[in-house]
Structure formats: structure tokens, C-alpha cells
Amino acid sequence: MRKLGILLHVSSHGYIILRAALFPKIDSAVLTKRMKKIGTVHDVFGPVISPYISVKPSKKLDPTDLKQLVGEKVYI
């Protein structure tokens, strides 16, 4: 498990936005430190040195659960 980054916020379209510590592959699984899958990498954008990532949340998560995850470290 490698650290992907820290969750910044939930977008108006329902995607989770984070600042990446590394450059992941599209459709990689995104996990919490407790190994709970929260979604998959949907898009990588921004500067090459420190890109932003949008994560498509899994269908099992409620929007209220997503907002509670803001500020937590996530992994791939």
C-alpha cells in the first residue's frame, strides 16, 4: 500500500478531490488506512510535479460519509 495523498474536498459533481503524492494509474483502487475502498482514480490533472486527482466514489458510500473523510490520508 502506497500513500496517494490527503483528501481536500468533495466536488459539486460528487467526486473526491485530493492532492497527490505520486502519479497513479487511472482506475486504481483508492483505500483508507483501514483498507476500506472508497473509490477509483477517475482523472489526474494539474501540475506534473504535484497533480490533483479526482476519485469516483464507490456506490456504497453516502455523501455524508464522503464529507467525513475530508482531511484523511488515502492509499493505493
C-alpha atoms as a PDB file:
ATOM      1  CA  MET A   1       0.000   0.000   0.000  1.00  0.00           C
ATOM      2  CA  ARG A   2       1.408   3.402  -1.009  1.00  0.00           C
ATOM      3  CA  LYS A   3       0.245   6.806   0.201  1.00  0.00           C
ATOM      4  CA  LEU A   4      -1.701   8.573  -2.527  1.00  0.00           C
ATOM      5  CA  GLY A   5      -2.425  11.856  -0.772  1.00  0.00           C
ATOM      6  CA  ILE A   6      -4.818  13.751   1.507  1.00  0.00           C
ATOM      7  CA  LEU A   7      -8.462  14.353   0.624  1.00  0.00           C
ATOM      8  CA  LEU A   8      -9.152  18.058   0.047  1.00  0.00           C
ATOM      9  CA  HIS A   9     -12.880  18.269  -0.705  1.00  0.00           C
ATOM     10  CA  VAL A  10     -15.892  16.790  -2.480  1.00  0.00           C
ATOM     11  CA  SER A  11     -16.717  18.459  -5.808  1.00  0.00           C
ATOM     12  CA  SER A  12     -20.178  19.612  -6.846  1.00  0.00           C
ATOM     13  CA  HIS A  13     -20.353  16.591  -9.161  1.00  0.00           C
ATOM     14  CA  GLY A  14     -19.712  14.191  -6.276  1.00  0.00           C
ATOM     15  CA  TYR A  15     -16.068  13.386  -6.995  1.00  0.00           C
ATOM     16  CA  ILE A  16     -13.443  13.422  -4.252  1.00  0.00           C
ATOM     17  CA  ILE A  17     -10.528  15.771  -4.976  1.00  0.00           C
ATOM     18  CA  LEU A  18      -7.077  15.258  -3.483  1.00  0.00           C
ATOM     19  CA  ARG A  19      -3.501  16.439  -3.947  1.00  0.00           C
ATOM     20  CA  ALA A  20      -1.342  13.512  -4.973  1.00  0.00           C
ATOM     21  CA  ALA A  21       1.990  12.482  -3.514  1.00  0.00           C
ATOM     22  CA  LEU A  22       2.578  10.223  -6.543  1.00  0.00           C
ATOM     23  CA  PHE A  23       1.233   9.747 -10.072  1.00  0.00           C
ATOM     24  CA  PRO A  24      -1.322   6.886 -10.045  1.00  0.00           C
ATOM     25  CA  LYS A  25      -2.844   4.913 -12.906  1.00  0.00           C
ATOM     26  CA  ILE A  26      -6.438   5.605 -13.920  1.00  0.00           C
ATOM     27  CA  ASP A  27      -8.929   3.112 -12.340  1.00  0.00           C
ATOM     28  CA  SER A  28      -6.583   2.300  -9.435  1.00  0.00           C
ATOM     29  CA  ALA A  29      -8.444   1.467  -6.220  1.00  0.00           C
ATOM     30  CA  VAL A  30      -8.295   4.175  -3.530  1.00  0.00           C
ATOM     31  CA  LEU A  31      -8.303   2.931   0.072  1.00  0.00           C
ATOM     32  CA  THR A  32      -8.404   4.353   3.599  1.00  0.00           C
ATOM     33  CA  LYS A  33      -5.804   3.315   6.154  1.00  0.00           C
ATOM     34  CA  ARG A  34      -8.311   0.696   7.391  1.00  0.00           C
ATOM     35  CA  MET A  35      -8.295  -0.876   3.900  1.00  0.00           C
ATOM     36  CA  LYS A  36     -11.835   0.288   3.090  1.00  0.00           C
ATOM     37  CA  LYS A  37     -12.239   1.009  -0.628  1.00  0.00           C
ATOM     38  CA  ILE A  38     -13.663   4.488  -1.131  1.00  0.00           C
ATOM     39  CA  GLY A  39     -13.450   4.619  -4.927  1.00  0.00           C
ATOM     40  CA  THR A  40     -11.249   4.584  -8.003  1.00  0.00           C
ATOM     41  CA  VAL A  41      -8.967   7.146  -9.661  1.00  0.00           C
ATOM     42  CA  HIS A  42     -11.053   8.917 -12.299  1.00  0.00           C
ATOM     43  CA  ASP A  43      -8.782  11.711 -13.543  1.00  0.00           C
ATOM     44  CA  VAL A  44      -5.341  13.238 -12.955  1.00  0.00           C
ATOM     45  CA  PHE A  45      -4.917  16.964 -13.623  1.00  0.00           C
ATOM     46  CA  GLY A  46      -2.818  19.986 -12.714  1.00  0.00           C
ATOM     47  CA  PRO A  47       0.976  20.370 -12.485  1.00  0.00           C
ATOM     48  CA  VAL A  48       3.116  17.318 -13.181  1.00  0.00           C
ATOM     49  CA  ILE A  49       5.184  17.751 -10.011  1.00  0.00           C
ATOM     50  CA  SER A  50       2.202  17.615  -7.647  1.00  0.00           C
ATOM     51  CA  PRO A  51      -1.003  16.714  -9.529  1.00  0.00           C
ATOM     52  CA  TYR A  52      -4.574  16.745  -8.323  1.00  0.00           C
ATOM     53  CA  ILE A  53      -6.668  13.605  -8.566  1.00  0.00           C
ATOM     54  CA  SER A  54     -10.404  13.139  -8.833  1.00  0.00           C
ATOM     55  CA  VAL A  55     -11.714   9.940  -7.310  1.00  0.00           C
ATOM     56  CA  LYS A  56     -15.031   8.437  -8.347  1.00  0.00           C
ATOM     57  CA  PRO A  57     -16.589   7.257  -5.065  1.00  0.00           C
ATOM     58  CA  SER A  58     -17.899   3.727  -4.766  1.00  0.00           C
ATOM     59  CA  LYS A  59     -21.676   3.367  -4.806  1.00  0.00           C
ATOM     60  CA  LYS A  60     -21.671   2.075  -1.224  1.00  0.00           C
ATOM     61  CA  LEU A  61     -20.653   5.462   0.230  1.00  0.00           C
ATOM     62  CA  ASP A  62     -23.205   8.101   1.228  1.00  0.00           C
ATOM     63  CA  PRO A  63     -22.430  11.782   0.536  1.00  0.00           C
ATOM     64  CA  THR A  64     -22.279  12.392   4.301  1.00  0.00           C
ATOM     65  CA  ASP A  65     -19.619   9.685   4.624  1.00  0.00           C
ATOM     66  CA  LEU A  66     -17.558  11.401   1.919  1.00  0.00           C
ATOM     67  CA  LYS A  67     -17.542  14.721   3.748  1.00  0.00           C
ATOM     68  CA  GLN A  68     -16.320  12.989   6.918  1.00  0.00           C
ATOM     69  CA  LEU A  69     -13.294  11.655   5.004  1.00  0.00           C
ATOM     70  CA  VAL A  70     -12.007  15.146   4.100  1.00  0.00           C
ATOM     71  CA  GLY A  71      -8.528  15.635   5.567  1.00  0.00           C
ATOM     72  CA  GLU A  72      -7.718  11.915   5.800  1.00  0.00           C
ATOM     73  CA  LYS A  73      -4.808  10.169   4.094  1.00  0.00           C
ATOM     74  CA  VAL A  74      -5.691   7.699   1.344  1.00  0.00           C
ATOM     75  CA  TYR A  75      -3.668   4.962  -0.298  1.00  0.00           C
ATOM     76  CA  ILE A  76      -3.485   2.903  -3.498  1.00  0.00           C
END
